[in-house]
Amino acid sequence: MARETIILTRKDIGSRIDIRAAIPAIEHAMGEFERGNDFLPPKAIYPLSIPGTSGGMAACITGYTQAADLLSMKVGQERAGNLEWGLPTTNSWIAAFEPRTGELLMICDGTLPTMYRTGAAAAVSAKHLSRPDSETLAVIGAGQLGRQCLRAVSSVRPFSRIYLHDLRQEAAEQVSNDLAGEAPAPIQVADAEEACRGADVIVTATTSRRPIVRSDWVRPGTHLCCMGSDLAEKIECEMELMPRCRMFADFVEHALVRGEASQAVGAGILGQDCYAGSLGQVINGDVAGRTGRDQITLYDGVGIGIQDTTIARTIYQQARDQDLGVHVAFS
């Protein structure tokens, strides 16, 4: 008998799915990806020129992940002009399939899962690359990505203080109020310089096309999770910061082209060998992570399909356990 398809809205996911459950799953999947057992075709990205708008982009990410035993396909879109309409700047949808039969198991909002898997990946990088005694977390960006990064990363180290910065102070204050009862430490809204200078771990979670984090704001021993840059024109940190860092990526080949360091590579500030390795290699013990207390480490999280498939499996399993969503029999 064919299985029913579960249809989940963003509200279903936001109210009932636990992001922290995704952290060990993402960690395991990234390690297994380095063993070569997954199918991950290149991400398809293309710009859109739409009359009457500031334009945008669309992307398709698909892949089979053995660790999650799932095939998924995500279509995502970005429209910077959506802020004027009170709409999210990004929208996406995920379809998840049983790999053996091809049955459609789930259709769900992909925007929030993307933020969940990105936040979980940032948390995995902090677990493996930040100093174990890190006490202060700074999150730059108070959009949905910053919110989920704060929730996930704050769970992996004994943080006693959290800084949050956004160009829109009211957005940072809203997130601070929303997460006050959930975060493990007080959340202080701050300007970017104050947040970065005081931080042991810095998470950048913006769509910025201009550097926000300056090199001289980052002190020795800091770990940076750069989670916003997934296109060559995006950048969150000064290029001058890059040579100071021991750098890792989720997928080095992709990061060189459109990651946080891609502009520095293009400018000749960094070479093609600028990454010490992938985070999955660190997880597996194949590449050393942090090699000194005063070393600055940087994780360049472009985002890869195995993360989408893994978060889809986590969401699907929790939806089944909790009987969430609408169940539809298509055949």
C-alpha atoms as a PDB file:
ATOM      1  CA  MET A   1       0.000   0.000   0.000  1.00  0.00           C
ATOM      2  CA  ALA A   2       1.306   3.453  -0.912  1.00  0.00           C
ATOM      3  CA  ARG A   3       2.230   5.668   1.991  1.00  0.00           C
ATOM      4  CA  GLU A   4       0.435   8.903   2.695  1.00  0.00           C
ATOM      5  CA  THR A   5       2.268  12.158   2.115  1.00  0.00           C
ATOM      6  CA  ILE A   6       2.593  14.516   5.069  1.00  0.00           C
ATOM      7  CA  ILE A   7       2.141  18.220   4.261  1.00  0.00           C
ATOM      8  CA  LEU A   8       3.615  20.607   6.838  1.00  0.00           C
ATOM      9  CA  THR A   9       3.367  24.380   7.062  1.00  0.00           C
ATOM     10  CA  ARG A  10       5.967  26.718   8.498  1.00  0.00           C
ATOM     11  CA  LYS A  11       3.731  27.095  11.564  1.00  0.00           C
ATOM     12  CA  ASP A  12       3.689  23.315  12.075  1.00  0.00           C
ATOM     13  CA  ILE A  13       7.479  23.217  11.995  1.00  0.00           C
ATOM     14  CA  GLY A  14       8.064  26.316  14.097  1.00  0.00           C
ATOM     15  CA  SER A  15       5.696  25.298  16.868  1.00  0.00           C
ATOM     16  CA  ARG A  16       6.473  21.591  17.185  1.00  0.00           C
ATOM     17  CA  ILE A  17       9.871  20.657  15.689  1.00  0.00           C
ATOM     18  CA  ASP A  18      12.897  20.784  18.016  1.00  0.00           C
ATOM     19  CA  ILE A  19      15.973  22.300  16.341  1.00  0.00           C
ATOM     20  CA  ARG A  20      18.299  20.814  18.951  1.00  0.00           C
ATOM     21  CA  ALA A  21      17.385  17.318  17.806  1.00  0.00           C
ATOM     22  CA  ALA A  22      18.931  18.171  14.449  1.00  0.00           C
ATOM     23  CA  ILE A  23      22.407  18.969  15.810  1.00  0.00           C
ATOM     24  CA  PRO A  24      23.674  15.385  16.313  1.00  0.00           C
ATOM     25  CA  ALA A  25      21.969  14.324  13.068  1.00  0.00           C
ATOM     26  CA  ILE A  26      23.723  17.077  11.081  1.00  0.00           C
ATOM     27  CA  GLU A  27      27.025  16.237  12.787  1.00  0.00           C
ATOM     28  CA  HIS A  28      26.710  12.563  11.850  1.00  0.00           C
ATOM     29  CA  ALA A  29      25.652  13.329   8.273  1.00  0.00           C
ATOM     30  CA  MET A  30      28.563  15.695   7.663  1.00  0.00           C
ATOM     31  CA  GLY A  31      31.031  13.078   8.852  1.00  0.00           C
ATOM     32  CA  GLU A  32      29.427  10.379   6.729  1.00  0.00           C
ATOM     33  CA  PHE A  33      29.413  12.650   3.678  1.00  0.00           C
ATOM     34  CA  GLU A  34      33.217  12.637   3.755  1.00  0.00           C
ATOM     35  CA  ARG A  35      33.151   8.828   3.458  1.00  0.00           C
ATOM     36  CA  GLY A  36      31.711   9.203  -0.057  1.00  0.00           C
ATOM     37  CA  ASN A  37      28.412   7.394   0.356  1.00  0.00           C
ATOM     38  CA  ASP A  38      26.058  10.224  -0.597  1.00  0.00           C
ATOM     39  CA  PHE A  39      24.832  11.589  -3.903  1.00  0.00           C
ATOM     40  CA  LEU A  40      25.228  15.362  -4.080  1.00  0.00           C
ATOM     41  CA  PRO A  41      24.942  17.004  -7.509  1.00  0.00           C
ATOM     42  CA  PRO A  42      25.962  20.659  -7.861  1.00  0.00           C
ATOM     43  CA  LYS A  43      23.567  23.272  -6.530  1.00  0.00           C
ATOM     44  CA  ALA A  44      21.733  25.004  -9.390  1.00  0.00           C
ATOM     45  CA  ILE A  45      21.622  28.782  -8.823  1.00  0.00           C
ATOM     46  CA  TYR A  46      20.388  31.373 -11.250  1.00  0.00           C
ATOM     47  CA  PRO A  47      19.566  35.110 -11.030  1.00  0.00           C
ATOM     48  CA  LEU A  48      16.130  36.418 -11.888  1.00  0.00           C
ATOM     49  CA  SER A  49      15.412  39.763 -13.503  1.00  0.00           C
ATOM     50  CA  ILE A  50      11.760  40.571 -12.865  1.00  0.00           C
ATOM     51  CA  PRO A  51      10.134  43.786 -14.102  1.00  0.00           C
ATOM     52  CA  GLY A  52       8.994  46.057 -11.303  1.00  0.00           C
ATOM     53  CA  THR A  53      11.204  44.420  -8.664  1.00  0.00           C
ATOM     54  CA  SER A  54      14.784  44.589  -7.477  1.00  0.00           C
ATOM     55  CA  GLY A  55      15.297  41.099  -8.891  1.00  0.00           C
ATOM     56  CA  GLY A  56      16.238  37.977  -7.013  1.00  0.00           C
ATOM     57  CA  MET A  57      17.588  34.501  -7.306  1.00  0.00           C
ATOM     58  CA  ALA A  58      16.370  30.921  -7.330  1.00  0.00           C
ATOM     59  CA  ALA A  59      18.184  27.733  -6.421  1.00  0.00           C
ATOM     60  CA  CYS A  60      17.590  24.011  -6.506  1.00  0.00           C
ATOM     61  CA  ILE A  61      19.403  21.647  -4.151  1.00  0.00           C
ATOM     62  CA  THR A  62      18.905  17.915  -4.297  1.00  0.00           C
ATOM     63  CA  GLY A  63      20.660  14.804  -3.108  1.00  0.00           C
ATOM     64  CA  TYR A  64      20.532  11.379  -1.507  1.00  0.00           C
ATOM     65  CA  THR A  65      21.950  11.065   1.995  1.00  0.00           C
ATOM     66  CA  GLN A  66      22.729   7.565   3.200  1.00  0.00           C
ATOM     67  CA  ALA A  67      22.926   8.584   6.857  1.00  0.00           C
ATOM     68  CA  ALA A  68      19.355   9.921   6.679  1.00  0.00           C
ATOM     69  CA  ASP A  69      18.240   7.252   4.184  1.00  0.00           C
ATOM     70  CA  LEU A  70      16.317   9.877   2.247  1.00  0.00           C
ATOM     71  CA  LEU A  71      16.211  11.612  -1.114  1.00  0.00           C
ATOM     72  CA  SER A  72      15.210  15.269  -1.033  1.00  0.00           C
ATOM     73  CA  MET A  73      14.779  18.214  -3.365  1.00  0.00           C
ATOM     74  CA  LYS A  74      14.581  21.832  -2.248  1.00  0.00           C
ATOM     75  CA  VAL A  75      13.630  24.818  -4.357  1.00  0.00           C
ATOM     76  CA  GLY A  76      14.580  28.113  -2.728  1.00  0.00           C
ATOM     77  CA  GLN A  77      14.157  31.731  -3.769  1.00  0.00           C
ATOM     78  CA  GLU A  78      15.444  35.071  -2.492  1.00  0.00           C
ATOM     79  CA  ARG A  79      13.814  38.466  -2.997  1.00  0.00           C
ATOM     80  CA  ALA A  80      15.496  41.331  -1.145  1.00  0.00           C
ATOM     81  CA  GLY A  81      12.577  43.617  -2.043  1.00  0.00           C
ATOM     82  CA  ASN A  82      10.161  41.506   0.005  1.00  0.00           C
ATOM     83  CA  LEU A  83      10.970  43.584   3.089  1.00  0.00           C
ATOM     84  CA  GLU A  84       8.911  46.386   1.564  1.00  0.00           C
ATOM     85  CA  TRP A  85       5.904  44.069   1.508  1.00  0.00           C
ATOM     86  CA  GLY A  86       6.386  42.696   4.984  1.00  0.00           C
ATOM     87  CA  LEU A  87       7.331  39.309   3.543  1.00  0.00           C
ATOM     88  CA  PRO A  88      10.354  37.069   4.235  1.00  0.00           C
ATOM     89  CA  THR A  89      13.291  37.704   1.930  1.00  0.00           C
ATOM     90  CA  THR A  90      13.658  33.970   1.341  1.00  0.00           C
ATOM     91  CA  ASN A  91      11.087  31.288   0.534  1.00  0.00           C
ATOM     92  CA  SER A  92      11.617  27.624  -0.174  1.00  0.00           C
ATOM     93  CA  TRP A  93       9.921  24.226  -0.227  1.00  0.00           C
ATOM     94  CA  ILE A  94      11.244  20.727   0.395  1.00  0.00           C
ATOM     95  CA  ALA A  95      10.009  17.457  -1.056  1.00  0.00           C
ATOM     96  CA  ALA A  96      11.266  14.277   0.628  1.00  0.00           C
ATOM     97  CA  PHE A  97      11.172  10.858  -1.042  1.00  0.00           C
ATOM     98  CA  GLU A  98      11.594   7.244   0.020  1.00  0.00           C
ATOM     99  CA  PRO A  99      14.760   6.334  -1.933  1.00  0.00           C
ATOM    100  CA  ARG A 100      13.833   2.697  -2.620  1.00  0.00           C
ATOM    101  CA  THR A 101      10.321   3.208  -3.972  1.00  0.00           C
ATOM    102  CA  GLY A 102      10.344   6.882  -4.977  1.00  0.00           C
ATOM    103  CA  GLU A 103       7.239   7.537  -2.848  1.00  0.00           C
ATOM    104  CA  LEU A 104       6.668  11.163  -1.849  1.00  0.00           C
ATOM    105  CA  LEU A 105       6.856  11.141   1.953  1.00  0.00           C
ATOM    106  CA  MET A 106       6.577  14.824   2.763  1.00  0.00           C
ATOM    107  CA  ILE A 107       6.114  18.285   1.320  1.00  0.00           C
ATOM    108  CA  CYS A 108       6.958  21.095   3.690  1.00  0.00           C
ATOM    109  CA  ASP A 109       7.982  24.684   3.974  1.00  0.00           C
ATOM    110  CA  GLY A 110      11.708  24.827   3.300  1.00  0.00           C
ATOM    111  CA  THR A 111      12.546  28.248   4.694  1.00  0.00           C
ATOM    112  CA  LEU A 112      12.458  27.348   8.373  1.00  0.00           C
ATOM    113  CA  PRO A 113      14.140  23.940   7.859  1.00  0.00           C
ATOM    114  CA  THR A 114      16.928  25.749   5.992  1.00  0.00           C
ATOM    115  CA  MET A 115      17.418  27.995   9.003  1.00  0.00           C
ATOM    116  CA  TYR A 116      17.292  24.955  11.295  1.00  0.00           C
ATOM    117  CA  ARG A 117      19.923  23.000   9.394  1.00  0.00           C
ATOM    118  CA  THR A 118      22.132  26.082   9.032  1.00  0.00           C
ATOM    119  CA  GLY A 119      21.872  26.821  12.739  1.00  0.00           C
ATOM    120  CA  ALA A 120      22.600  23.183  13.540  1.00  0.00           C
ATOM    121  CA  ALA A 121      25.684  23.213  11.289  1.00  0.00           C
ATOM    122  CA  ALA A 122      26.915  26.371  13.030  1.00  0.00           C
ATOM    123  CA  ALA A 123      26.445  24.588  16.359  1.00  0.00           C
ATOM    124  CA  VAL A 124      28.427  21.572  15.137  1.00  0.00           C
ATOM    125  CA  SER A 125      31.265  23.865  14.056  1.00  0.00           C
ATOM    126  CA  ALA A 126      31.268  25.596  17.448  1.00  0.00           C
ATOM    127  CA  LYS A 127      31.334  22.232  19.192  1.00  0.00           C
ATOM    128  CA  HIS A 128      34.396  21.100  17.243  1.00  0.00           C
ATOM    129  CA  LEU A 129      36.305  24.339  16.636  1.00  0.00           C
ATOM    130  CA  SER A 130      35.622  26.819  19.441  1.00  0.00           C
ATOM    131  CA  ARG A 131      37.452  26.782  22.753  1.00  0.00           C
ATOM    132  CA  PRO A 132      35.637  24.501  25.237  1.00  0.00           C
ATOM    133  CA  ASP A 133      35.618  27.305  27.813  1.00  0.00           C
ATOM    134  CA  SER A 134      33.992  29.838  25.471  1.00  0.00           C
ATOM    135  CA  GLU A 135      31.745  32.071  27.570  1.00  0.00           C
ATOM    136  CA  THR A 136      30.439  34.804  25.254  1.00  0.00           C
ATOM    137  CA  LEU A 137      28.450  34.339  22.052  1.00  0.00           C
ATOM    138  CA  ALA A 138      27.797  37.097  19.520  1.00  0.00           C
ATOM    139  CA  VAL A 139      25.165  36.674  16.814  1.00  0.00           C
ATOM    140  CA  ILE A 140      25.196  39.209  13.977  1.00  0.00           C
ATOM    141  CA  GLY A 141      21.792  39.262  12.326  1.00  0.00           C
ATOM    142  CA  ALA A 142      18.395  38.984  14.009  1.00  0.00           C
ATOM    143  CA  GLY A 143      16.403  37.561  11.124  1.00  0.00           C
ATOM    144  CA  GLN A 144      15.092  34.018  11.132  1.00  0.00           C
ATOM    145  CA  LEU A 145      18.599  32.654  10.493  1.00  0.00           C
ATOM    146  CA  GLY A 146      20.094  34.593  13.385  1.00  0.00           C
ATOM    147  CA  ARG A 147      17.276  33.452  15.653  1.00  0.00           C
ATOM    148  CA  GLN A 148      17.868  29.770  14.873  1.00  0.00           C
ATOM    149  CA  CYS A 149      21.657  30.102  15.042  1.00  0.00           C
ATOM    150  CA  LEU A 150      21.327  31.650  18.492  1.00  0.00           C
ATOM    151  CA  ARG A 151      19.078  28.819  19.658  1.00  0.00           C
ATOM    152  CA  ALA A 152      21.351  26.081  18.322  1.00  0.00           C
ATOM    153  CA  VAL A 153      24.852  27.450  18.994  1.00  0.00           C
ATOM    154  CA  SER A 154      24.015  28.566  22.531  1.00  0.00           C
ATOM    155  CA  SER A 155      23.325  24.917  23.414  1.00  0.00           C
ATOM    156  CA  VAL A 156      26.838  23.552  22.750  1.00  0.00           C
ATOM    157  CA  ARG A 157      29.048  25.702  25.005  1.00  0.00           C
ATOM    158  CA  PRO A 158      28.652  27.064  28.571  1.00  0.00           C
ATOM    159  CA  PHE A 159      27.841  30.610  27.465  1.00  0.00           C
ATOM    160  CA  SER A 160      27.195  33.105  30.249  1.00  0.00           C
ATOM    161  CA  ARG A 161      26.541  36.085  27.942  1.00  0.00           C
ATOM    162  CA  ILE A 162      24.989  36.472  24.501  1.00  0.00           C
ATOM    163  CA  TYR A 163      25.245  39.561  22.321  1.00  0.00           C
ATOM    164  CA  LEU A 164      22.800  40.118  19.457  1.00  0.00           C
ATOM    165  CA  HIS A 165      23.196  42.750  16.745  1.00  0.00           C
ATOM    166  CA  ASP A 166      21.058  43.782  13.817  1.00  0.00           C
ATOM    167  CA  LEU A 167      20.907  46.942  11.721  1.00  0.00           C
ATOM    168  CA  ARG A 168      17.249  47.042  12.731  1.00  0.00           C
ATOM    169  CA  GLN A 169      17.465  47.391  16.498  1.00  0.00           C
ATOM    170  CA  GLU A 170      13.774  46.610  16.900  1.00  0.00           C
ATOM    171  CA  ALA A 171      14.346  43.211  15.248  1.00  0.00           C
ATOM    172  CA  ALA A 172      17.148  42.397  17.678  1.00  0.00           C
ATOM    173  CA  GLU A 173      15.021  43.487  20.620  1.00  0.00           C
ATOM    174  CA  GLN A 174      12.152  41.293  19.400  1.00  0.00           C
ATOM    175  CA  VAL A 175      14.363  38.209  19.164  1.00  0.00           C
ATOM    176  CA  SER A 176      15.914  39.003  22.540  1.00  0.00           C
ATOM    177  CA  ASN A 177      12.458  39.168  24.118  1.00  0.00           C
ATOM    178  CA  ASP A 178      11.202  36.064  22.323  1.00  0.00           C
ATOM    179  CA  LEU A 179      14.146  33.898  23.379  1.00  0.00           C
ATOM    180  CA  ALA A 180      14.679  35.330  26.868  1.00  0.00           C
ATOM    181  CA  GLY A 181      13.106  32.332  28.554  1.00  0.00           C
ATOM    182  CA  GLU A 182      14.805  29.784  26.302  1.00  0.00           C
ATOM    183  CA  ALA A 183      18.401  30.999  25.967  1.00  0.00           C
ATOM    184  CA  PRO A 184      20.895  29.717  28.558  1.00  0.00           C
ATOM    185  CA  ALA A 185      22.221  33.230  29.252  1.00  0.00           C
ATOM    186  CA  PRO A 186      21.012  36.844  29.110  1.00  0.00           C
ATOM    187  CA  ILE A 187      20.734  38.273  25.577  1.00  0.00           C
ATOM    188  CA  GLN A 188      22.083  41.799  25.237  1.00  0.00           C
ATOM    189  CA  VAL A 189      21.298  43.887  22.153  1.00  0.00           C
ATOM    190  CA  ALA A 190      24.552  45.581  21.093  1.00  0.00           C
ATOM    191  CA  ASP A 191      26.266  47.288  18.199  1.00  0.00           C
ATOM    192  CA  ALA A 192      28.446  45.124  15.961  1.00  0.00           C
ATOM    193  CA  GLU A 193      31.772  46.298  17.361  1.00  0.00           C
ATOM    194  CA  GLU A 194      30.819  45.748  20.996  1.00  0.00           C
ATOM    195  CA  ALA A 195      29.398  42.316  20.184  1.00  0.00           C
ATOM    196  CA  CYS A 196      32.445  41.132  18.249  1.00  0.00           C
ATOM    197  CA  ARG A 197      35.117  42.550  20.558  1.00  0.00           C
ATOM    198  CA  GLY A 198      33.604  40.767  23.543  1.00  0.00           C
ATOM    199  CA  ALA A 199      32.885  37.412  21.909  1.00  0.00           C
ATOM    200  CA  ASP A 200      34.548  34.008  22.065  1.00  0.00           C
ATOM    201  CA  VAL A 201      32.228  32.744  19.305  1.00  0.00           C
ATOM    202  CA  ILE A 202      30.851  35.003  16.554  1.00  0.00           C
ATOM    203  CA  VAL A 203      28.018  33.849  14.301  1.00  0.00           C
ATOM    204  CA  THR A 204      27.239  35.909  11.203  1.00  0.00           C
ATOM    205  CA  ALA A 205      23.743  35.277   9.894  1.00  0.00           C
ATOM    206  CA  THR A 206      22.944  37.994   7.353  1.00  0.00           C
ATOM    207  CA  THR A 207      22.528  38.459   3.615  1.00  0.00           C
ATOM    208  CA  SER A 208      25.038  41.311   3.565  1.00  0.00           C
ATOM    209  CA  ARG A 209      26.916  42.350   0.449  1.00  0.00           C
ATOM    210  CA  ARG A 210      29.296  44.513   2.517  1.00  0.00           C
ATOM    211  CA  PRO A 211      31.598  43.403   5.353  1.00  0.00           C
ATOM    212  CA  ILE A 212      30.176  43.833   8.840  1.00  0.00           C
ATOM    213  CA  VAL A 213      32.837  42.181  11.042  1.00  0.00           C
ATOM    214  CA  ARG A 214      36.136  44.042  11.014  1.00  0.00           C
ATOM    215  CA  SER A 215      39.417  42.222  11.493  1.00  0.00           C
ATOM    216  CA  ASP A 216      40.562  44.361  14.412  1.00  0.00           C
ATOM    217  CA  TRP A 217      37.354  43.552  16.310  1.00  0.00           C
ATOM    218  CA  VAL A 218      38.199  39.825  16.431  1.00  0.00           C
ATOM    219  CA  ARG A 219      40.474  38.810  19.273  1.00  0.00           C
ATOM    220  CA  PRO A 220      42.811  35.788  19.351  1.00  0.00           C
ATOM    221  CA  GLY A 221      41.092  32.519  20.234  1.00  0.00           C
ATOM    222  CA  THR A 222      37.767  33.437  18.646  1.00  0.00           C
ATOM    223  CA  HIS A 223      35.737  31.034  16.533  1.00  0.00           C
ATOM    224  CA  LEU A 224      33.640  32.454  13.687  1.00  0.00           C
ATOM    225  CA  CYS A 225      30.644  30.711  12.145  1.00  0.00           C
ATOM    226  CA  CYS A 226      30.010  32.497   8.837  1.00  0.00           C
ATOM    227  CA  MET A 227      26.587  31.262   7.813  1.00  0.00           C
ATOM    228  CA  GLY A 228      25.145  33.959   5.549  1.00  0.00           C
ATOM    229  CA  SER A 229      27.380  33.879   2.469  1.00  0.00           C
ATOM    230  CA  ASP A 230      26.130  31.463  -0.176  1.00  0.00           C
ATOM    231  CA  LEU A 231      26.710  33.632  -3.246  1.00  0.00           C
ATOM    232  CA  ALA A 232      29.952  35.177  -4.475  1.00  0.00           C
ATOM    233  CA  GLU A 233      28.660  38.724  -3.984  1.00  0.00           C
ATOM    234  CA  LYS A 234      27.779  38.149  -0.316  1.00  0.00           C
ATOM    235  CA  ILE A 235      30.369  38.864   2.371  1.00  0.00           C
ATOM    236  CA  GLU A 236      30.088  39.364   6.143  1.00  0.00           C
ATOM    237  CA  CYS A 237      33.725  39.692   7.293  1.00  0.00           C
ATOM    238  CA  GLU A 238      36.543  41.940   6.133  1.00  0.00           C
ATOM    239  CA  MET A 239      38.839  40.157   3.712  1.00  0.00           C
ATOM    240  CA  GLU A 240      41.787  41.219   5.875  1.00  0.00           C
ATOM    241  CA  LEU A 241      40.475  38.915   8.613  1.00  0.00           C
ATOM    242  CA  MET A 242      40.757  35.783   6.504  1.00  0.00           C
ATOM    243  CA  PRO A 243      44.565  35.271   6.577  1.00  0.00           C
ATOM    244  CA  ARG A 244      44.414  35.372  10.392  1.00  0.00           C
ATOM    245  CA  CYS A 245      42.119  32.346  10.484  1.00  0.00           C
ATOM    246  CA  ARG A 246      42.422  28.573  10.293  1.00  0.00           C
ATOM    247  CA  MET A 247      39.521  27.981   7.949  1.00  0.00           C
ATOM    248  CA  PHE A 248      37.112  25.119   7.333  1.00  0.00           C
ATOM    249  CA  ALA A 249      34.101  24.692   5.047  1.00  0.00           C
ATOM    250  CA  ASP A 250      31.126  22.396   4.738  1.00  0.00           C
ATOM    251  CA  PHE A 251      32.194  21.669   1.138  1.00  0.00           C
ATOM    252  CA  VAL A 252      35.483  23.269   0.102  1.00  0.00           C
ATOM    253  CA  GLU A 253      34.817  23.190  -3.645  1.00  0.00           C
ATOM    254  CA  HIS A 254      31.596  25.173  -3.251  1.00  0.00           C
ATOM    255  CA  ALA A 255      32.988  27.547  -0.630  1.00  0.00           C
ATOM    256  CA  LEU A 256      35.855  28.625  -2.879  1.00  0.00           C
ATOM    257  CA  VAL A 257      33.323  29.815  -5.448  1.00  0.00           C
ATOM    258  CA  ARG A 258      30.581  31.378  -3.308  1.00  0.00           C
ATOM    259  CA  GLY A 259      31.562  31.159   0.349  1.00  0.00           C
ATOM    260  CA  GLU A 260      32.680  33.778   2.836  1.00  0.00           C
ATOM    261  CA  ALA A 261      36.296  33.580   1.600  1.00  0.00           C
ATOM    262  CA  SER A 262      35.488  33.555  -2.130  1.00  0.00           C
ATOM    263  CA  GLN A 263      36.054  37.281  -2.596  1.00  0.00           C
ATOM    264  CA  ALA A 264      39.393  37.101  -0.786  1.00  0.00           C
ATOM    265  CA  VAL A 265      40.396  34.220  -3.072  1.00  0.00           C
ATOM    266  CA  GLY A 266      39.330  36.228  -6.108  1.00  0.00           C
ATOM    267  CA  ALA A 267      41.360  39.223  -4.908  1.00  0.00           C
ATOM    268  CA  GLY A 268      44.471  37.112  -4.366  1.00  0.00           C
ATOM    269  CA  ILE A 269      44.464  37.664  -0.595  1.00  0.00           C
ATOM    270  CA  LEU A 270      43.971  33.923  -0.135  1.00  0.00           C
ATOM    271  CA  GLY A 271      45.017  30.998  -2.284  1.00  0.00           C
ATOM    272  CA  GLN A 272      42.956  28.061  -3.492  1.00  0.00           C
ATOM    273  CA  ASP A 273      44.439  26.075  -0.587  1.00  0.00           C
ATOM    274  CA  CYS A 274      43.123  28.470   2.073  1.00  0.00           C
ATOM    275  CA  TYR A 275      40.893  25.886   3.762  1.00  0.00           C
ATOM    276  CA  ALA A 276      42.512  23.455   6.182  1.00  0.00           C
ATOM    277  CA  GLY A 277      39.754  20.993   5.306  1.00  0.00           C
ATOM    278  CA  SER A 278      36.053  20.365   5.728  1.00  0.00           C
ATOM    279  CA  LEU A 279      34.135  20.255   8.974  1.00  0.00           C
ATOM    280  CA  GLY A 280      33.273  16.634   8.187  1.00  0.00           C
ATOM    281  CA  GLN A 281      36.979  15.792   8.101  1.00  0.00           C
ATOM    282  CA  VAL A 282      37.387  17.388  11.528  1.00  0.00           C
ATOM    283  CA  ILE A 283      34.432  15.376  12.845  1.00  0.00           C
ATOM    284  CA  ASN A 284      35.996  12.157  11.537  1.00  0.00           C
ATOM    285  CA  GLY A 285      39.420  13.003  12.982  1.00  0.00           C
ATOM    286  CA  ASP A 286      41.040  13.138   9.534  1.00  0.00           C
ATOM    287  CA  VAL A 287      42.026  16.822   9.826  1.00  0.00           C
ATOM    288  CA  ALA A 288      42.998  18.696  12.974  1.00  0.00           C
ATOM    289  CA  GLY A 289      40.594  21.423  14.032  1.00  0.00           C
ATOM    290  CA  ARG A 290      41.771  24.101  16.450  1.00  0.00           C
ATOM    291  CA  THR A 291      45.502  23.665  17.065  1.00  0.00           C
ATOM    292  CA  GLY A 292      46.068  26.401  19.638  1.00  0.00           C
ATOM    293  CA  ARG A 293      44.181  28.367  22.265  1.00  0.00           C
ATOM    294  CA  ASP A 294      44.894  31.730  20.625  1.00  0.00           C
ATOM    295  CA  GLN A 295      44.153  30.524  17.106  1.00  0.00           C
ATOM    296  CA  ILE A 296      41.218  32.116  15.280  1.00  0.00           C
ATOM    297  CA  THR A 297      39.090  29.481  13.569  1.00  0.00           C
ATOM    298  CA  LEU A 298      36.455  30.108  10.909  1.00  0.00           C
ATOM    299  CA  TYR A 299      33.726  27.845   9.579  1.00  0.00           C
ATOM    300  CA  ASP A 300      32.403  28.805   6.150  1.00  0.00           C
ATOM    301  CA  GLY A 301      28.906  27.341   5.937  1.00  0.00           C
ATOM    302  CA  VAL A 302      27.673  27.668   2.357  1.00  0.00           C
ATOM    303  CA  GLY A 303      25.048  24.956   2.836  1.00  0.00           C
ATOM    304  CA  ILE A 304      24.917  21.573   1.127  1.00  0.00           C
ATOM    305  CA  GLY A 305      22.161  19.181   0.135  1.00  0.00           C
ATOM    306  CA  ILE A 306      22.956  16.534   2.721  1.00  0.00           C
ATOM    307  CA  GLN A 307      22.011  19.039   5.414  1.00  0.00           C
ATOM    308  CA  ASP A 308      18.626  19.603   3.796  1.00  0.00           C
ATOM    309  CA  THR A 309      18.027  15.879   3.516  1.00  0.00           C
ATOM    310  CA  THR A 310      19.054  15.348   7.136  1.00  0.00           C
ATOM    311  CA  ILE A 311      16.790  18.072   8.504  1.00  0.00           C
ATOM    312  CA  ALA A 312      13.965  16.718   6.327  1.00  0.00           C
ATOM    313  CA  ARG A 313      14.411  13.293   7.941  1.00  0.00           C
ATOM    314  CA  THR A 314      14.401  14.859  11.424  1.00  0.00           C
ATOM    315  CA  ILE A 315      11.222  16.810  10.642  1.00  0.00           C
ATOM    316  CA  TYR A 316       9.499  13.852   8.989  1.00  0.00           C
ATOM    317  CA  GLN A 317      10.219  11.588  11.943  1.00  0.00           C
ATOM    318  CA  GLN A 318       9.018  14.139  14.500  1.00  0.00           C
ATOM    319  CA  ALA A 319       5.906  14.824  12.383  1.00  0.00           C
ATOM    320  CA  ARG A 320       5.056  11.121  12.323  1.00  0.00           C
ATOM    321  CA  ASP A 321       5.689  10.745  16.064  1.00  0.00           C
ATOM    322  CA  GLN A 322       3.455  13.732  16.852  1.00  0.00           C
ATOM    323  CA  ASP A 323       0.887  13.143  14.090  1.00  0.00           C
ATOM    324  CA  LEU A 324       1.522  16.603  12.636  1.00  0.00           C
ATOM    325  CA  GLY A 325       0.325  18.131   9.379  1.00  0.00           C
ATOM    326  CA  VAL A 326      -2.167  17.073   6.762  1.00  0.00           C
ATOM    327  CA  HIS A 327      -1.934  13.526   5.450  1.00  0.00           C
ATOM    328  CA  VAL A 328      -2.773  13.032   1.778  1.00  0.00           C
ATOM    329  CA  ALA A 329      -2.976   9.863  -0.309  1.00  0.00           C
ATOM    330  CA  PHE A 330      -1.944  10.833  -3.840  1.00  0.00           C
ATOM    331  CA  SER A 331      -2.482   7.344  -5.232  1.00  0.00           C
END
